[in-house]
C-alpha atoms as a PDB file:
ATOM      1  CA  UNK A   1      54.035 -80.050-119.523  1.00  0.00           C
ATOM      2  CA  UNK A   2      50.333 -80.381-119.263  1.00  0.00           C
ATOM      3  CA  UNK A   3      50.378 -83.591-116.900  1.00  0.00           C
ATOM      4  CA  UNK A   4      52.916 -81.143-114.621  1.00  0.00           C
ATOM      5  CA  UNK A   5      49.940 -78.550-114.404  1.00  0.00           C
ATOM      6  CA  UNK A   6      46.802 -81.036-113.723  1.00  0.00           C
ATOM      7  CA  UNK A   7      48.877 -82.393-110.571  1.00  0.00           C
ATOM      8  CA  UNK A   8      49.726 -79.169-109.725  1.00  0.00           C
ATOM      9  CA  UNK A   9      46.220 -77.965-110.172  1.00  0.00           C
ATOM     10  CA  UNK A  10      44.704 -81.020-108.143  1.00  0.00           C
ATOM     11  CA  UNK A  11      47.121 -80.276-105.592  1.00  0.00           C
ATOM     12  CA  UNK A  12      46.310 -76.714-104.913  1.00  0.00           C
ATOM     13  CA  UNK A  13      42.410 -77.759-104.984  1.00  0.00           C
ATOM     14  CA  UNK A  14      42.816 -80.731-102.332  1.00  0.00           C
ATOM     15  CA  UNK A  15      44.738 -78.298 -99.854  1.00  0.00           C
ATOM     16  CA  UNK A  16      42.313 -75.925 -99.551  1.00  0.00           C
ATOM     17  CA  UNK A  17      39.380 -78.553 -99.539  1.00  0.00           C
ATOM     18  CA  UNK A  18      40.899 -80.784 -96.840  1.00  0.00           C
ATOM     19  CA  UNK A  19      40.919 -79.570 -92.939  1.00  0.00           C
ATOM     20  CA  UNK A  20      43.771 -78.837 -91.148  1.00  0.00           C
ATOM     21  CA  UNK A  21      44.492 -81.097 -88.225  1.00  0.00           C
ATOM     22  CA  UNK A  22      46.829 -79.953 -85.138  1.00  0.00           C
ATOM     23  CA  UNK A  23      50.115 -81.540 -84.726  1.00  0.00           C
ATOM     24  CA  UNK A  24      49.025 -83.288 -81.862  1.00  0.00           C
ATOM     25  CA  UNK A  25      51.240 -80.823 -79.094  1.00  0.00           C
ATOM     26  CA  UNK A  26      50.795 -80.558 -75.846  1.00  0.00           C
ATOM     27  CA  UNK A  27      47.303 -79.692 -74.564  1.00  0.00           C
ATOM     28  CA  UNK A  28      48.600 -77.965 -70.924  1.00  0.00           C
ATOM     29  CA  UNK A  29      47.260 -79.236 -68.185  1.00  0.00           C
ATOM     30  CA  UNK A  30      45.746 -75.860 -67.064  1.00  0.00           C
ATOM     31  CA  UNK A  31      45.001 -74.011 -63.851  1.00  0.00           C
ATOM     32  CA  UNK A  32      42.538 -74.475 -61.262  1.00  0.00           C
ATOM     33  CA  UNK A  33      39.542 -72.703 -61.890  1.00  0.00           C
ATOM     34  CA  UNK A  34      38.584 -69.742 -59.763  1.00  0.00           C
ATOM     35  CA  UNK A  35      35.626 -70.625 -57.670  1.00  0.00           C
ATOM     36  CA  UNK A  36      32.194 -68.428 -57.691  1.00  0.00           C
ATOM     37  CA  UNK A  37      30.640 -66.765 -55.071  1.00  0.00           C
ATOM     38  CA  UNK A  38      31.421 -66.123 -51.724  1.00  0.00           C
ATOM     39  CA  UNK A  39      34.735 -68.408 -52.605  1.00  0.00           C
ATOM     40  CA  UNK A  40      35.660 -66.156 -55.014  1.00  0.00           C
ATOM     41  CA  UNK A  41      36.514 -63.472 -52.447  1.00  0.00           C
ATOM     42  CA  UNK A  42      38.472 -65.257 -50.151  1.00  0.00           C
ATOM     43  CA  UNK A  43      40.191 -66.834 -53.363  1.00  0.00           C
ATOM     44  CA  UNK A  44      41.056 -63.445 -54.327  1.00  0.00           C
ATOM     45  CA  UNK A  45      41.933 -62.101 -50.844  1.00  0.00           C
ATOM     46  CA  UNK A  46      44.275 -65.351 -50.364  1.00  0.00           C
ATOM     47  CA  UNK A  47      46.040 -64.347 -53.959  1.00  0.00           C
ATOM     48  CA  UNK A  48      46.243 -61.127 -52.723  1.00  0.00           C
ATOM     49  CA  UNK A  49      47.957 -62.257 -49.446  1.00  0.00           C
ATOM     50  CA  UNK A  50      50.583 -64.570 -51.469  1.00  0.00           C
ATOM     51  CA  UNK A  51      51.136 -62.061 -53.910  1.00  0.00           C
ATOM     52  CA  UNK A  52      52.021 -59.548 -50.881  1.00  0.00           C
ATOM     53  CA  UNK A  53      49.179 -56.665 -52.355  1.00  0.00           C
ATOM     54  CA  UNK A  54      48.258 -56.533 -49.053  1.00  0.00           C
ATOM     55  CA  UNK A  55      49.223 -54.471 -46.128  1.00  0.00           C
ATOM     56  CA  UNK A  56      49.896 -56.922 -43.191  1.00  0.00           C
ATOM     57  CA  UNK A  57      50.331 -55.924 -39.619  1.00  0.00           C
ATOM     58  CA  UNK A  58      54.029 -54.098 -39.112  1.00  0.00           C
ATOM     59  CA  UNK A  59      54.312 -55.760 -35.303  1.00  0.00           C
ATOM     60  CA  UNK A  60      53.936 -59.648 -35.012  1.00  0.00           C
ATOM     61  CA  UNK A  61      51.481 -60.957 -32.878  1.00  0.00           C
ATOM     62  CA  UNK A  62      53.621 -63.196 -30.211  1.00  0.00           C
ATOM     63  CA  UNK A  63      50.485 -65.314 -29.524  1.00  0.00           C
ATOM     64  CA  UNK A  64      49.820 -65.716 -33.029  1.00  0.00           C
ATOM     65  CA  UNK A  65      52.913 -66.466 -34.419  1.00  0.00           C
ATOM     66  CA  UNK A  66      53.723 -70.234 -33.378  1.00  0.00           C
ATOM     67  CA  UNK A  67      50.512 -71.548 -34.510  1.00  0.00           C
ATOM     68  CA  UNK A  68      50.915 -69.787 -37.729  1.00  0.00           C
ATOM     69  CA  UNK A  69      54.188 -70.608 -38.563  1.00  0.00           C
ATOM     70  CA  UNK A  70      53.204 -74.269 -38.306  1.00  0.00           C
ATOM     71  CA  UNK A  71      50.377 -73.672 -40.962  1.00  0.00           C
ATOM     72  CA  UNK A  72      52.582 -71.565 -43.092  1.00  0.00           C
ATOM     73  CA  UNK A  73      55.527 -74.165 -42.580  1.00  0.00           C
ATOM     74  CA  UNK A  74      53.122 -76.709 -44.406  1.00  0.00           C
ATOM     75  CA  UNK A  75      52.186 -74.433 -46.839  1.00  0.00           C
ATOM     76  CA  UNK A  76      55.645 -73.403 -48.120  1.00  0.00           C
ATOM     77  CA  UNK A  77      56.672 -76.962 -48.333  1.00  0.00           C
ATOM     78  CA  UNK A  78      53.623 -77.833 -50.804  1.00  0.00           C
ATOM     79  CA  UNK A  79      54.330 -74.784 -53.158  1.00  0.00           C
ATOM     80  CA  UNK A  80      56.087 -75.607 -56.434  1.00  0.00           C
ATOM     81  CA  UNK A  81      60.065 -75.499 -56.425  1.00  0.00           C
ATOM     82  CA  UNK A  82      59.413 -72.224 -58.762  1.00  0.00           C
ATOM     83  CA  UNK A  83      56.940 -70.357 -55.885  1.00  0.00           C
ATOM     84  CA  UNK A  84      59.029 -71.759 -53.115  1.00  0.00           C
ATOM     85  CA  UNK A  85      61.602 -69.359 -54.525  1.00  0.00           C
ATOM     86  CA  UNK A  86      59.355 -66.479 -54.971  1.00  0.00           C
ATOM     87  CA  UNK A  87      57.893 -66.412 -51.863  1.00  0.00           C
ATOM     88  CA  UNK A  88      58.397 -67.251 -48.381  1.00  0.00           C
ATOM     89  CA  UNK A  89      54.832 -68.215 -46.526  1.00  0.00           C
ATOM     90  CA  UNK A  90      56.640 -68.542 -43.042  1.00  0.00           C
ATOM     91  CA  UNK A  91      57.860 -64.699 -42.920  1.00  0.00           C
ATOM     92  CA  UNK A  92      54.126 -64.023 -42.564  1.00  0.00           C
ATOM     93  CA  UNK A  93      54.099 -65.442 -39.052  1.00  0.00           C
ATOM     94  CA  UNK A  94      52.223 -63.714 -36.862  1.00  0.00           C
ATOM     95  CA  UNK A  95      51.335 -60.800 -38.989  1.00  0.00           C
ATOM     96  CA  UNK A  96      48.073 -62.247 -40.434  1.00  0.00           C
ATOM     97  CA  UNK A  97      44.472 -62.065 -39.170  1.00  0.00           C
ATOM     98  CA  UNK A  98      42.770 -65.634 -39.220  1.00  0.00           C
ATOM     99  CA  UNK A  99      40.646 -64.357 -42.117  1.00  0.00           C
ATOM    100  CA  UNK A 100      43.782 -63.739 -44.117  1.00  0.00           C
ATOM    101  CA  UNK A 101      45.403 -67.154 -43.281  1.00  0.00           C
ATOM    102  CA  UNK A 102      42.381 -69.123 -44.289  1.00  0.00           C
ATOM    103  CA  UNK A 103      42.265 -67.082 -47.124  1.00  0.00           C
ATOM    104  CA  UNK A 104      45.401 -67.903 -48.321  1.00  0.00           C
ATOM    105  CA  UNK A 105      45.471 -71.488 -47.269  1.00  0.00           C
ATOM    106  CA  UNK A 106      42.543 -71.817 -49.621  1.00  0.00           C
ATOM    107  CA  UNK A 107      44.217 -70.073 -52.477  1.00  0.00           C
ATOM    108  CA  UNK A 108      46.806 -72.084 -51.905  1.00  0.00           C
ATOM    109  CA  UNK A 109      44.544 -75.590 -51.866  1.00  0.00           C
ATOM    110  CA  UNK A 110      43.107 -74.378 -55.276  1.00  0.00           C
ATOM    111  CA  UNK A 111      45.676 -73.002 -57.254  1.00  0.00           C
ATOM    112  CA  UNK A 112      49.055 -75.602 -56.636  1.00  0.00           C
ATOM    113  CA  UNK A 113      45.830 -78.423 -55.949  1.00  0.00           C
ATOM    114  CA  UNK A 114      47.836 -78.880 -51.927  1.00  0.00           C
ATOM    115  CA  UNK A 115      45.192 -81.260 -49.806  1.00  0.00           C
ATOM    116  CA  UNK A 116      44.864 -79.701 -46.631  1.00  0.00           C
ATOM    117  CA  UNK A 117      43.709 -81.038 -43.478  1.00  0.00           C
ATOM    118  CA  UNK A 118      40.108 -80.316 -42.117  1.00  0.00           C
ATOM    119  CA  UNK A 119      39.934 -78.503 -39.050  1.00  0.00           C
END
């Protein structure tokens, strides 16, 4: 009976004195870091456009529609499948200002690690 008590006491003492180590589970890939400074404003504008939190022009500008549709189709194709089902970027064609389109491209390139061609 004394042996069991001593063994129990030793196991309790060592369990509290040993460091707790993680199980080695998933470390996560993480999301890209939000840029700082002027790029931060551009990132957040692009995020707002992407999440449809910005009022877009109601009548589409036919002169911009074709050019924007090409750029937006490329962005749509680069999105992960879950995002492709959630948002349809080509619907924005002709409704975005140049600033909004640039910001949207910037946001997608940072958030989803999409490589865009230099203009």
